[in-house]
Every structure is written in C-alpha cells, then in structure tokens.
PDB file of all heavy atoms in Angstrom:
ATOM      1  N   TYR A   1      96.374  91.647 102.267  1.00  0.00           N
ATOM      2  CA  TYR A   1      97.384  91.803 103.316  1.00  0.00           C
ATOM      3  C   TYR A   1      98.821  91.990 102.748  1.00  0.00           C
ATOM      4  O   TYR A   1      99.625  92.688 103.314  1.00  0.00           O
ATOM      5  CB  TYR A   1      97.274  90.688 104.303  1.00  0.00           C
ATOM      6  CG  TYR A   1      96.142  90.887 105.279  1.00  0.00           C
ATOM      7  CD1 TYR A   1      94.866  90.389 104.965  1.00  0.00           C
ATOM      8  CD2 TYR A   1      96.361  91.523 106.482  1.00  0.00           C
ATOM      9  CE1 TYR A   1      93.827  90.577 105.853  1.00  0.00           C
ATOM     10  CE2 TYR A   1      95.276  91.680 107.352  1.00  0.00           C
ATOM     11  CZ  TYR A   1      94.021  91.201 107.037  1.00  0.00           C
ATOM     12  OH  TYR A   1      92.978  91.382 107.886  1.00  0.00           O
ATOM     13  N   ILE A   2      99.063  91.286 101.637  1.00  0.00           N
ATOM     14  CA  ILE A   2     100.372  91.429 101.006  1.00  0.00           C
ATOM     15  C   ILE A   2     100.538  92.915 100.516  1.00  0.00           C
ATOM     16  O   ILE A   2     101.556  93.562 100.754  1.00  0.00           O
ATOM     17  CB  ILE A   2     100.495  90.514  99.774  1.00  0.00           C
ATOM     18  CG1 ILE A   2     100.567  89.032 100.303  1.00  0.00           C
ATOM     19  CG2 ILE A   2     101.741  90.788  98.974  1.00  0.00           C
ATOM     20  CD1 ILE A   2     100.549  87.986  99.188  1.00  0.00           C
ATOM     21  N   PHE A   3      99.522  93.386  99.805  1.00  0.00           N
ATOM     22  CA  PHE A   3      99.590  94.773  99.318  1.00  0.00           C
ATOM     23  C   PHE A   3      99.606  95.761 100.467  1.00  0.00           C
ATOM     24  O   PHE A   3     100.322  96.761 100.415  1.00  0.00           O
ATOM     25  CB  PHE A   3      98.345  95.020  98.415  1.00  0.00           C
ATOM     26  CG  PHE A   3      98.446  96.320  97.661  1.00  0.00           C
ATOM     27  CD1 PHE A   3      99.381  96.540  96.696  1.00  0.00           C
ATOM     28  CD2 PHE A   3      97.521  97.346  97.930  1.00  0.00           C
ATOM     29  CE1 PHE A   3      99.452  97.721  95.968  1.00  0.00           C
ATOM     30  CE2 PHE A   3      97.556  98.572  97.242  1.00  0.00           C
ATOM     31  CZ  PHE A   3      98.559  98.742  96.291  1.00  0.00           C
ATOM     32  N   TRP A   4      98.871  95.492 101.508  1.00  0.00           N
ATOM     33  CA  TRP A   4      98.850  96.400 102.690  1.00  0.00           C
ATOM     34  C   TRP A   4     100.207  96.477 103.344  1.00  0.00           C
ATOM     35  O   TRP A   4     100.701  97.584 103.679  1.00  0.00           O
ATOM     36  CB  TRP A   4      97.808  95.923 103.665  1.00  0.00           C
ATOM     37  CG  TRP A   4      97.564  96.789 104.867  1.00  0.00           C
ATOM     38  CD1 TRP A   4      97.915  98.082 104.985  1.00  0.00           C
ATOM     39  CD2 TRP A   4      96.915  96.420 106.086  1.00  0.00           C
ATOM     40  NE1 TRP A   4      97.505  98.559 106.228  1.00  0.00           N
ATOM     41  CE2 TRP A   4      96.909  97.574 106.933  1.00  0.00           C
ATOM     42  CE3 TRP A   4      96.352  95.215 106.593  1.00  0.00           C
ATOM     43  CZ2 TRP A   4      96.390  97.568 108.207  1.00  0.00           C
ATOM     44  CZ3 TRP A   4      95.817  95.206 107.849  1.00  0.00           C
ATOM     45  CH2 TRP A   4      95.822  96.387 108.642  1.00  0.00           C
ATOM     46  N   SER A   5     100.868  95.346 103.503  1.00  0.00           N
ATOM     47  CA  SER A   5     102.220  95.314 104.138  1.00  0.00           C
ATOM     48  C   SER A   5     103.232  96.115 103.294  1.00  0.00           C
ATOM     49  O   SER A   5     104.051  96.833 103.815  1.00  0.00           O
ATOM     50  CB  SER A   5     102.705  93.828 104.278  1.00  0.00           C
ATOM     51  OG  SER A   5     101.831  93.125 105.117  1.00  0.00           O
ATOM     52  N   ILE A   6     103.162  95.937 101.960  1.00  0.00           N
ATOM     53  CA  ILE A   6     104.144  96.641 101.107  1.00  0.00           C
ATOM     54  C   ILE A   6     103.932  98.153 101.159  1.00  0.00           C
ATOM     55  O   ILE A   6     104.857  98.919 101.311  1.00  0.00           O
ATOM     56  CB  ILE A   6     103.978  96.107  99.628  1.00  0.00           C
ATOM     57  CG1 ILE A   6     104.422  94.641  99.525  1.00  0.00           C
ATOM     58  CG2 ILE A   6     104.809  96.970  98.691  1.00  0.00           C
ATOM     59  CD1 ILE A   6     104.165  94.029  98.203  1.00  0.00           C
ATOM     60  N   VAL A   7     102.646  98.556 101.098  1.00  0.00           N
ATOM     61  CA  VAL A   7     102.364 100.018 101.096  1.00  0.00           C
ATOM     62  C   VAL A   7     102.801 100.619 102.430  1.00  0.00           C
ATOM     63  O   VAL A   7     103.457 101.718 102.431  1.00  0.00           O
ATOM     64  CB  VAL A   7     100.884 100.261 100.837  1.00  0.00           C
ATOM     65  CG1 VAL A   7     100.502 101.679 101.113  1.00  0.00           C
ATOM     66  CG2 VAL A   7     100.508  99.847  99.420  1.00  0.00           C
ATOM     67  N   GLU A   8     102.468  99.975 103.527  1.00  0.00           N
ATOM     68  CA  GLU A   8     102.861 100.549 104.831  1.00  0.00           C
ATOM     69  C   GLU A   8     104.359 100.509 105.022  1.00  0.00           C
ATOM     70  O   GLU A   8     104.922 101.432 105.628  1.00  0.00           O
ATOM     71  CB  GLU A   8     102.178  99.734 105.974  1.00  0.00           C
ATOM     72  CG  GLU A   8     100.661  99.844 105.983  1.00  0.00           C
ATOM     73  CD  GLU A   8     100.133 101.253 106.124  1.00  0.00           C
ATOM     74  OE1 GLU A   8     100.910 102.138 106.541  1.00  0.00           O
ATOM     75  OE2 GLU A   8      98.943 101.475 105.869  1.00  0.00           O
ATOM     76  N   GLY A   9     105.008  99.514 104.466  1.00  0.00           N
ATOM     77  CA  GLY A   9     106.480  99.460 104.551  1.00  0.00           C
ATOM     78  C   GLY A   9     107.083 100.623 103.753  1.00  0.00           C
ATOM     79  O   GLY A   9     108.086 101.295 104.255  1.00  0.00           O
ATOM     80  N   LEU A  10     106.589 100.946 102.582  1.00  0.00           N
ATOM     81  CA  LEU A  10     107.070 102.097 101.820  1.00  0.00           C
ATOM     82  C   LEU A  10     106.810 103.406 102.568  1.00  0.00           C
ATOM     83  O   LEU A  10     107.632 104.307 102.553  1.00  0.00           O
ATOM     84  CB  LEU A  10     106.434 102.106 100.440  1.00  0.00           C
ATOM     85  CG  LEU A  10     106.730 100.951  99.521  1.00  0.00           C
ATOM     86  CD1 LEU A  10     105.966 101.030  98.225  1.00  0.00           C
ATOM     87  CD2 LEU A  10     108.222 100.868  99.204  1.00  0.00           C
ATOM     88  N   CYS A  11     105.649 103.453 103.218  1.00  0.00           N
ATOM     89  CA  CYS A  11     105.313 104.684 103.955  1.00  0.00           C
ATOM     90  C   CYS A  11     106.204 104.900 105.149  1.00  0.00           C
ATOM     91  O   CYS A  11     106.658 106.006 105.371  1.00  0.00           O
ATOM     92  CB  CYS A  11     103.808 104.546 104.407  1.00  0.00           C
ATOM     93  SG  CYS A  11     103.071 106.126 104.946  1.00  0.00           S
ATOM     94  N   VAL A  12     106.464 103.823 105.883  1.00  0.00           N
ATOM     95  CA  VAL A  12     107.399 103.918 107.032  1.00  0.00           C
ATOM     96  C   VAL A  12     108.795 104.229 106.558  1.00  0.00           C
ATOM     97  O   VAL A  12     109.501 105.105 107.168  1.00  0.00           O
ATOM     98  CB  VAL A  12     107.344 102.613 107.829  1.00  0.00           C
ATOM     99  CG1 VAL A  12     108.444 102.645 108.902  1.00  0.00           C
ATOM    100  CG2 VAL A  12     105.987 102.451 108.498  1.00  0.00           C
ATOM    101  N   GLY A  13     109.258 103.597 105.463  1.00  0.00           N
ATOM    102  CA  GLY A  13     110.564 103.849 104.943  1.00  0.00           C
ATOM    103  C   GLY A  13     110.785 105.264 104.494  1.00  0.00           C
ATOM    104  O   GLY A  13     111.857 105.829 104.559  1.00  0.00           O
ATOM    105  N   ALA A  14     109.668 105.852 103.975  1.00  0.00           N
ATOM    106  CA  ALA A  14     109.720 107.258 103.574  1.00  0.00           C
ATOM    107  C   ALA A  14     109.614 108.228 104.745  1.00  0.00           C
ATOM    108  O   ALA A  14     109.602 109.440 104.554  1.00  0.00           O
ATOM    109  CB  ALA A  14     108.587 107.540 102.556  1.00  0.00           C
ATOM    110  N   GLN A  15     109.467 107.608 105.955  1.00  0.00           N
ATOM    111  CA  GLN A  15     109.430 108.387 107.221  1.00  0.00           C
ATOM    112  C   GLN A  15     108.159 109.300 107.323  1.00  0.00           C
ATOM    113  O   GLN A  15     108.187 110.371 107.921  1.00  0.00           O
ATOM    114  CB  GLN A  15     110.709 109.225 107.392  1.00  0.00           C
ATOM    115  CG  GLN A  15     111.943 108.336 107.398  1.00  0.00           C
ATOM    116  CD  GLN A  15     113.234 109.147 107.407  1.00  0.00           C
ATOM    117  OE1 GLN A  15     113.372 110.074 108.128  1.00  0.00           O
ATOM    118  NE2 GLN A  15     114.138 108.763 106.525  1.00  0.00           N
ATOM    119  N   ILE A  16     107.130 108.863 106.688  1.00  0.00           N
ATOM    120  CA  ILE A  16     105.810 109.545 106.789  1.00  0.00           C
ATOM    121  C   ILE A  16     105.033 108.799 107.868  1.00  0.00           C
ATOM    122  O   ILE A  16     104.102 108.038 107.615  1.00  0.00           O
ATOM    123  CB  ILE A  16     105.068 109.572 105.453  1.00  0.00           C
ATOM    124  CG1 ILE A  16     105.994 109.994 104.287  1.00  0.00           C
ATOM    125  CG2 ILE A  16     103.857 110.489 105.502  1.00  0.00           C
ATOM    126  CD1 ILE A  16     105.368 109.934 102.931  1.00  0.00           C
ATOM    127  N   TYR A  17     105.430 109.015 109.122  1.00  0.00           N
ATOM    128  CA  TYR A  17     104.949 108.196 110.181  1.00  0.00           C
ATOM    129  C   TYR A  17     103.438 108.454 110.495  1.00  0.00           C
ATOM    130  O   TYR A  17     102.729 107.523 110.829  1.00  0.00           O
ATOM    131  CB  TYR A  17     105.774 108.418 111.477  1.00  0.00           C
ATOM    132  CG  TYR A  17     107.252 108.211 111.264  1.00  0.00           C
ATOM    133  CD1 TYR A  17     108.196 109.207 111.524  1.00  0.00           C
ATOM    134  CD2 TYR A  17     107.684 106.942 110.836  1.00  0.00           C
ATOM    135  CE1 TYR A  17     109.514 108.939 111.353  1.00  0.00           C
ATOM    136  CE2 TYR A  17     109.064 106.705 110.674  1.00  0.00           C
ATOM    137  CZ  TYR A  17     109.955 107.732 110.902  1.00  0.00           C
ATOM    138  OH  TYR A  17     111.280 107.495 110.747  1.00  0.00           O
ATOM    139  N   LYS A  18     103.063 109.736 110.370  1.00  0.00           N
ATOM    140  CA  LYS A  18     101.639 110.018 110.700  1.00  0.00           C
ATOM    141  C   LYS A  18     100.683 109.293 109.735  1.00  0.00           C
ATOM    142  O   LYS A  18      99.711 108.688 110.177  1.00  0.00           O
ATOM    143  CB  LYS A  18     101.413 111.518 110.626  1.00  0.00           C
ATOM    144  CG  LYS A  18     100.006 111.981 111.033  1.00  0.00           C
ATOM    145  CD  LYS A  18      99.838 113.441 110.845  1.00  0.00           C
ATOM    146  CE  LYS A  18     100.703 114.218 111.852  1.00  0.00           C
ATOM    147  NZ  LYS A  18     100.436 115.689 111.757  1.00  0.00           N
ATOM    148  N   LEU A  19     101.041 109.323 108.452  1.00  0.00           N
ATOM    149  CA  LEU A  19     100.237 108.654 107.459  1.00  0.00           C
ATOM    150  C   LEU A  19     100.251 107.153 107.684  1.00  0.00           C
ATOM    151  O   LEU A  19      99.206 106.459 107.585  1.00  0.00           O
ATOM    152  CB  LEU A  19     100.742 108.938 106.036  1.00  0.00           C
ATOM    153  CG  LEU A  19     100.043 108.244 104.886  1.00  0.00           C
ATOM    154  CD1 LEU A  19      98.568 108.579 104.848  1.00  0.00           C
ATOM    155  CD2 LEU A  19     100.713 108.608 103.557  1.00  0.00           C
ATOM    156  N   ALA A  20     101.435 106.606 108.040  1.00  0.00           N
ATOM    157  CA  ALA A  20     101.527 105.120 108.291  1.00  0.00           C
ATOM    158  C   ALA A  20     100.669 104.690 109.412  1.00  0.00           C
ATOM    159  O   ALA A  20      99.942 103.662 109.291  1.00  0.00           O
ATOM    160  CB  ALA A  20     102.964 104.759 108.465  1.00  0.00           C
ATOM    161  N   VAL A  21     100.744 105.439 110.550  1.00  0.00           N
ATOM    162  CA  VAL A  21      99.995 105.018 111.750  1.00  0.00           C
ATOM    163  C   VAL A  21      98.481 105.161 111.544  1.00  0.00           C
ATOM    164  O   VAL A  21      97.744 104.235 111.826  1.00  0.00           O
ATOM    165  CB  VAL A  21     100.454 105.836 112.971  1.00  0.00           C
ATOM    166  CG1 VAL A  21      99.580 105.567 114.143  1.00  0.00           C
ATOM    167  CG2 VAL A  21     101.904 105.544 113.290  1.00  0.00           C
ATOM    168  N   ILE A  22      98.058 106.359 110.996  1.00  0.00           N
ATOM    169  CA  ILE A  22      96.643 106.564 110.824  1.00  0.00           C
ATOM    170  C   ILE A  22      96.009 105.580 109.829  1.00  0.00           C
ATOM    171  O   ILE A  22      94.956 104.997 110.054  1.00  0.00           O
ATOM    172  CB  ILE A  22      96.385 108.035 110.403  1.00  0.00           C
ATOM    173  CG1 ILE A  22      96.764 108.993 111.517  1.00  0.00           C
ATOM    174  CG2 ILE A  22      94.918 108.219 110.026  1.00  0.00           C
ATOM    175  CD1 ILE A  22      96.676 110.451 111.163  1.00  0.00           C
ATOM    176  N   SER A  23      96.724 105.390 108.711  1.00  0.00           N
ATOM    177  CA  SER A  23      96.192 104.469 107.668  1.00  0.00           C
ATOM    178  C   SER A  23      96.121 103.083 108.169  1.00  0.00           C
ATOM    179  O   SER A  23      95.211 102.316 107.884  1.00  0.00           O
ATOM    180  CB  SER A  23      97.043 104.597 106.411  1.00  0.00           C
ATOM    181  OG  SER A  23      98.345 104.185 106.659  1.00  0.00           O
ATOM    182  N   THR A  24      97.107 102.663 108.976  1.00  0.00           N
ATOM    183  CA  THR A  24      97.159 101.328 109.513  1.00  0.00           C
ATOM    184  C   THR A  24      95.952 101.060 110.449  1.00  0.00           C
ATOM    185  O   THR A  24      95.284 100.054 110.376  1.00  0.00           O
ATOM    186  CB  THR A  24      98.458 100.982 110.245  1.00  0.00           C
ATOM    187  OG1 THR A  24      99.544 101.143 109.337  1.00  0.00           O
ATOM    188  CG2 THR A  24      98.434  99.601 110.860  1.00  0.00           C
ATOM    189  N   VAL A  25      95.709 102.040 111.341  1.00  0.00           N
ATOM    190  CA  VAL A  25      94.599 101.887 112.270  1.00  0.00           C
ATOM    191  C   VAL A  25      93.249 101.829 111.550  1.00  0.00           C
ATOM    192  O   VAL A  25      92.387 101.038 111.823  1.00  0.00           O
ATOM    193  CB  VAL A  25      94.618 103.018 113.314  1.00  0.00           C
ATOM    194  CG1 VAL A  25      93.365 102.976 114.194  1.00  0.00           C
ATOM    195  CG2 VAL A  25      95.850 102.906 114.163  1.00  0.00           C
ATOM    196  N   VAL A  26      93.069 102.773 110.606  1.00  0.00           N
ATOM    197  CA  VAL A  26      91.806 102.859 109.841  1.00  0.00           C
ATOM    198  C   VAL A  26      91.561 101.568 109.065  1.00  0.00           C
ATOM    199  O   VAL A  26      90.436 101.022 109.112  1.00  0.00           O
ATOM    200  CB  VAL A  26      91.773 104.085 108.924  1.00  0.00           C
ATOM    201  CG1 VAL A  26      90.554 104.064 108.058  1.00  0.00           C
ATOM    202  CG2 VAL A  26      91.778 105.362 109.780  1.00  0.00           C
ATOM    203  N   ILE A  27      92.557 101.138 108.334  1.00  0.00           N
ATOM    204  CA  ILE A  27      92.375  99.899 107.543  1.00  0.00           C
ATOM    205  C   ILE A  27      92.134  98.686 108.410  1.00  0.00           C
ATOM    206  O   ILE A  27      91.330  97.811 108.097  1.00  0.00           O
ATOM    207  CB  ILE A  27      93.650  99.672 106.668  1.00  0.00           C
ATOM    208  CG1 ILE A  27      93.726 100.765 105.622  1.00  0.00           C
ATOM    209  CG2 ILE A  27      93.553  98.334 105.949  1.00  0.00           C
ATOM    210  CD1 ILE A  27      95.033 100.779 104.785  1.00  0.00           C
ATOM    211  N   ALA A  28      92.785  98.643 109.569  1.00  0.00           N
ATOM    212  CA  ALA A  28      92.606  97.503 110.489  1.00  0.00           C
ATOM    213  C   ALA A  28      91.149  97.478 110.986  1.00  0.00           C
ATOM    214  O   ALA A  28      90.528  96.406 111.068  1.00  0.00           O
ATOM    215  CB  ALA A  28      93.568  97.577 111.628  1.00  0.00           C
ATOM    216  N   VAL A  29      90.672  98.644 111.352  1.00  0.00           N
ATOM    217  CA  VAL A  29      89.239  98.746 111.852  1.00  0.00           C
ATOM    218  C   VAL A  29      88.279  98.308 110.768  1.00  0.00           C
ATOM    219  O   VAL A  29      87.327  97.562 111.022  1.00  0.00           O
ATOM    220  CB  VAL A  29      88.963 100.175 112.326  1.00  0.00           C
ATOM    221  CG1 VAL A  29      87.453 100.366 112.616  1.00  0.00           C
ATOM    222  CG2 VAL A  29      89.760 100.502 113.561  1.00  0.00           C
ATOM    223  N   VAL A  30      88.512  98.774 109.509  1.00  0.00           N
ATOM    224  CA  VAL A  30      87.613  98.389 108.407  1.00  0.00           C
ATOM    225  C   VAL A  30      87.664  96.861 108.144  1.00  0.00           C
ATOM    226  O   VAL A  30      86.628  96.281 107.964  1.00  0.00           O
ATOM    227  CB  VAL A  30      88.069  99.171 107.117  1.00  0.00           C
ATOM    228  CG1 VAL A  30      87.307  98.646 105.895  1.00  0.00           C
ATOM    229  CG2 VAL A  30      87.783 100.642 107.289  1.00  0.00           C
ATOM    230  N   LEU A  31      88.812  96.292 108.198  1.00  0.00           N
ATOM    231  CA  LEU A  31      88.937  94.850 107.945  1.00  0.00           C
ATOM    232  C   LEU A  31      88.295  93.997 109.059  1.00  0.00           C
ATOM    233  O   LEU A  31      87.630  93.018 108.756  1.00  0.00           O
ATOM    234  CB  LEU A  31      90.393  94.458 107.773  1.00  0.00           C
ATOM    235  CG  LEU A  31      91.098  94.940 106.458  1.00  0.00           C
ATOM    236  CD1 LEU A  31      92.586  94.576 106.513  1.00  0.00           C
ATOM    237  CD2 LEU A  31      90.432  94.272 105.260  1.00  0.00           C
TER     238      LEU A  31
END
C-alpha cells in the first residue's frame, strides 16, 4: 500500500488521470 500510494500520487501529479483511475480500480479489485 505504501508503494501503491506513491505510484498513484506520481501518476496523478503527472496529470495522467486515465492511467491513475483505471490502475487504481484494477489494483483495488485484485487486492
């Protein structure tokens, strides 16, 4: 979860919103 938070934060900060939202949903479902 630490690594997940950092990666998604970098993704959102880079303004790649589509990747951030899709990856968050997929990873959450898997977990």
